[in-house]
Amino acid sequence: MILNTKKLTRSGLLIALGIIIPYFFHMFGISGRIFLPMHFPPLLGGFLVGPLYGAVIGAVLPILNSMISGIPQMPTMAFMIVELAAFGLVAGILYKKMNLFISLIISMLVGRIIYFILFALFIEFTNPFVYIFGGIASSLPGVIGQLLLIPAIVTVLESKYGKI
């Protein structure tokens, strides 16, 4: 992978946003599980700077946020590292071949499926369906926000700065 100054700079900005936005949510007592503020930067990264940078953004955000704010805690942090890296990687790969909205939906599904599989493998619980459907229901505002905001942000930024 050849390092690109523009992509590194944009990745750094997305990582900064991925730290600042969740911090404000937690500061005001708003649960990250509802609005999913850490999910936006890796998805945007996949679309705006490519799959490898998007995956790195996704992998480092849970670690940095945990170091700074203590959230997410283990084992959630470990699952989120893989989930968010998958968001960025899949978004970047699919966007080269498909339309933005379809790439976004598939990326979101792949990341969440990976998270739920990891959770099911490593955490004991009596009914996985209750956890899965509860997680989906509680995060619906964040999912809707991603579906509305990410295509708009990507479209505006690409019209101004061009596609990678």
Protein backbone atom coordinates (compact mmCIF):
# COMPACT_ATOMS: atom_id res chain seq x y z
CA MET A 1 0.00 0.00 0.00
CA ILE A 2 1.47 3.33 -1.06
CA LEU A 3 0.84 6.04 1.51
CA ASN A 4 -1.00 9.03 0.14
CA THR A 5 -0.80 12.36 1.99
CA LYS A 6 -4.37 13.38 1.15
CA LYS A 7 -5.76 10.03 2.24
CA LEU A 8 -3.72 10.06 5.45
CA THR A 9 -4.91 13.58 6.25
CA ARG A 10 -8.55 12.71 5.57
CA SER A 11 -8.18 9.54 7.63
CA GLY A 12 -6.76 11.56 10.51
CA LEU A 13 -9.71 13.94 10.35
CA LEU A 14 -12.16 11.03 10.35
CA ILE A 15 -10.38 9.45 13.33
CA ALA A 16 -10.57 12.79 15.17
CA LEU A 17 -14.30 12.99 14.43
CA GLY A 18 -14.65 9.40 15.59
CA ILE A 19 -13.23 10.43 18.95
CA ILE A 20 -14.85 13.85 19.37
CA ILE A 21 -18.42 12.96 18.38
CA PRO A 22 -18.79 9.95 20.75
CA TYR A 23 -17.14 12.00 23.51
CA PHE A 24 -19.89 14.64 23.22
CA PHE A 25 -22.57 11.98 23.19
CA HIS A 26 -21.19 10.49 26.41
CA MET A 27 -20.68 13.93 27.95
CA PHE A 28 -24.41 14.63 27.59
CA GLY A 29 -25.44 11.16 28.73
CA ILE A 30 -26.56 9.97 25.28
CA SER A 31 -25.90 6.29 24.72
CA GLY A 32 -23.69 5.41 21.79
CA ARG A 33 -25.82 2.30 21.28
CA ILE A 34 -28.69 4.48 20.08
CA PHE A 35 -27.01 6.86 17.61
CA LEU A 36 -23.86 4.82 16.81
CA PRO A 37 -21.54 7.84 16.55
CA MET A 38 -18.43 5.68 16.18
CA HIS A 39 -19.88 3.92 13.12
CA PHE A 40 -19.95 6.99 10.87
CA PRO A 41 -16.19 7.62 10.38
CA PRO A 42 -15.21 4.10 9.21
CA LEU A 43 -18.10 4.02 6.74
CA LEU A 44 -17.21 7.49 5.48
CA GLY A 45 -13.56 6.42 5.37
CA GLY A 46 -14.33 3.42 3.20
CA PHE A 47 -16.18 5.62 0.73
CA LEU A 48 -13.88 8.65 0.80
CA VAL A 49 -10.37 7.22 1.22
CA GLY A 50 -10.73 3.57 0.25
CA PRO A 51 -11.04 0.14 1.84
CA LEU A 52 -7.67 -0.16 3.58
CA TYR A 53 -7.78 3.29 5.14
CA GLY A 54 -11.45 2.75 6.06
CA ALA A 55 -10.56 -0.53 7.77
CA VAL A 56 -7.73 1.11 9.73
CA ILE A 57 -10.03 3.95 10.81
CA GLY A 58 -12.54 1.38 12.02
CA ALA A 59 -9.94 -0.70 13.84
CA VAL A 60 -8.30 2.16 15.75
CA LEU A 61 -11.42 4.05 16.83
CA PRO A 62 -12.66 1.61 19.49
CA ILE A 63 -9.14 1.36 20.93
CA LEU A 64 -8.59 5.14 21.07
CA ASN A 65 -12.07 5.81 22.45
CA SER A 66 -11.59 3.17 25.12
CA MET A 67 -8.23 4.68 26.10
CA ILE A 68 -9.67 8.21 26.26
CA SER A 69 -13.14 7.69 27.73
CA GLY A 70 -13.23 4.09 28.93
CA ILE A 71 -15.99 3.32 26.42
CA PRO A 72 -16.29 0.81 24.82
CA GLN A 73 -15.10 -1.63 27.43
CA MET A 74 -13.91 -5.17 26.84
CA PRO A 75 -15.21 -7.44 25.36
CA THR A 76 -17.37 -5.00 23.39
CA MET A 77 -14.26 -3.13 22.26
CA ALA A 78 -12.76 -6.27 20.69
CA PHE A 79 -15.98 -6.98 18.79
CA MET A 80 -16.24 -3.36 17.66
CA ILE A 81 -12.68 -3.37 16.32
CA VAL A 82 -13.63 -6.14 13.90
CA GLU A 83 -17.10 -4.71 13.16
CA LEU A 84 -15.91 -1.18 12.38
CA ALA A 85 -12.92 -2.40 10.37
CA ALA A 86 -15.36 -4.49 8.32
CA PHE A 87 -17.52 -1.38 7.77
CA GLY A 88 -14.63 0.55 6.27
CA LEU A 89 -13.21 -2.35 4.29
CA VAL A 90 -16.51 -3.52 2.76
CA ALA A 91 -17.71 0.03 2.03
CA GLY A 92 -14.50 0.83 0.19
CA ILE A 93 -14.47 -2.40 -1.82
CA LEU A 94 -18.14 -2.31 -2.79
CA TYR A 95 -18.21 1.39 -3.65
CA LYS A 96 -15.76 0.73 -6.48
CA LYS A 97 -18.28 -1.70 -8.01
CA MET A 98 -21.74 -0.61 -6.84
CA ASN A 99 -23.79 2.45 -6.12
CA LEU A 100 -23.25 4.33 -2.87
CA PHE A 101 -26.53 3.45 -1.15
CA ILE A 102 -26.35 -0.28 -1.88
CA SER A 103 -22.69 -0.34 -0.78
CA LEU A 104 -23.68 1.38 2.46
CA ILE A 105 -26.49 -1.04 3.26
CA ILE A 106 -24.38 -4.12 2.55
CA SER A 107 -21.46 -2.70 4.58
CA MET A 108 -23.73 -2.01 7.54
CA LEU A 109 -25.20 -5.52 7.37
CA VAL A 110 -21.82 -7.24 7.08
CA GLY A 111 -20.40 -5.32 10.05
CA ARG A 112 -23.41 -6.02 12.27
CA ILE A 113 -23.51 -9.69 11.31
CA ILE A 114 -19.83 -10.04 12.20
CA TYR A 115 -20.47 -8.31 15.55
CA PHE A 116 -23.39 -10.60 16.39
CA ILE A 117 -21.42 -13.72 15.39
CA LEU A 118 -18.50 -12.71 17.61
CA PHE A 119 -20.89 -11.93 20.44
CA ALA A 120 -22.60 -15.31 20.06
CA LEU A 121 -19.26 -17.15 20.02
CA PHE A 122 -17.73 -15.48 23.06
CA ILE A 123 -20.56 -14.34 25.33
CA GLU A 124 -22.94 -16.66 27.13
CA PHE A 125 -26.58 -15.69 26.97
CA THR A 126 -29.83 -17.59 27.04
CA ASN A 127 -31.57 -16.24 23.96
CA PRO A 128 -29.45 -14.72 21.18
CA PHE A 129 -32.52 -13.52 19.29
CA VAL A 130 -33.55 -11.26 22.17
CA TYR A 131 -30.09 -9.68 22.15
CA ILE A 132 -29.98 -9.32 18.36
CA PHE A 133 -33.45 -7.83 18.00
CA GLY A 134 -32.93 -5.63 21.05
CA GLY A 135 -29.68 -4.34 19.57
CA ILE A 136 -31.31 -3.64 16.23
CA ALA A 137 -34.30 -1.89 17.78
CA SER A 138 -32.24 0.31 20.10
CA SER A 139 -29.84 1.35 17.33
CA LEU A 140 -32.53 2.20 14.78
CA PRO A 141 -32.03 5.99 15.14
CA GLY A 142 -28.33 5.57 14.36
CA VAL A 143 -29.02 3.30 11.40
CA ILE A 144 -31.51 5.81 9.98
CA GLY A 145 -28.97 8.58 10.53
CA GLN A 146 -26.33 6.61 8.65
CA LEU A 147 -28.68 5.92 5.75
CA LEU A 148 -29.60 9.61 5.49
CA LEU A 149 -26.35 11.39 6.31
CA ILE A 150 -23.57 9.24 4.86
CA PRO A 151 -24.78 9.33 1.22
CA ALA A 152 -25.35 13.09 1.52
CA ILE A 153 -21.90 13.73 3.04
CA VAL A 154 -20.12 11.53 0.49
CA THR A 155 -21.99 13.13 -2.42
CA VAL A 156 -21.20 16.68 -1.26
CA LEU A 157 -17.53 15.96 -0.55
CA GLU A 158 -17.00 14.10 -3.82
CA SER A 159 -18.65 16.86 -5.81
CA LYS A 160 -16.31 19.36 -4.19
CA TYR A 161 -13.06 17.35 -4.01
CA GLY A 162 -13.58 14.53 -6.50
CA LYS A 163 -13.81 10.79 -6.07
CA ILE A 164 -10.74 8.83 -4.93
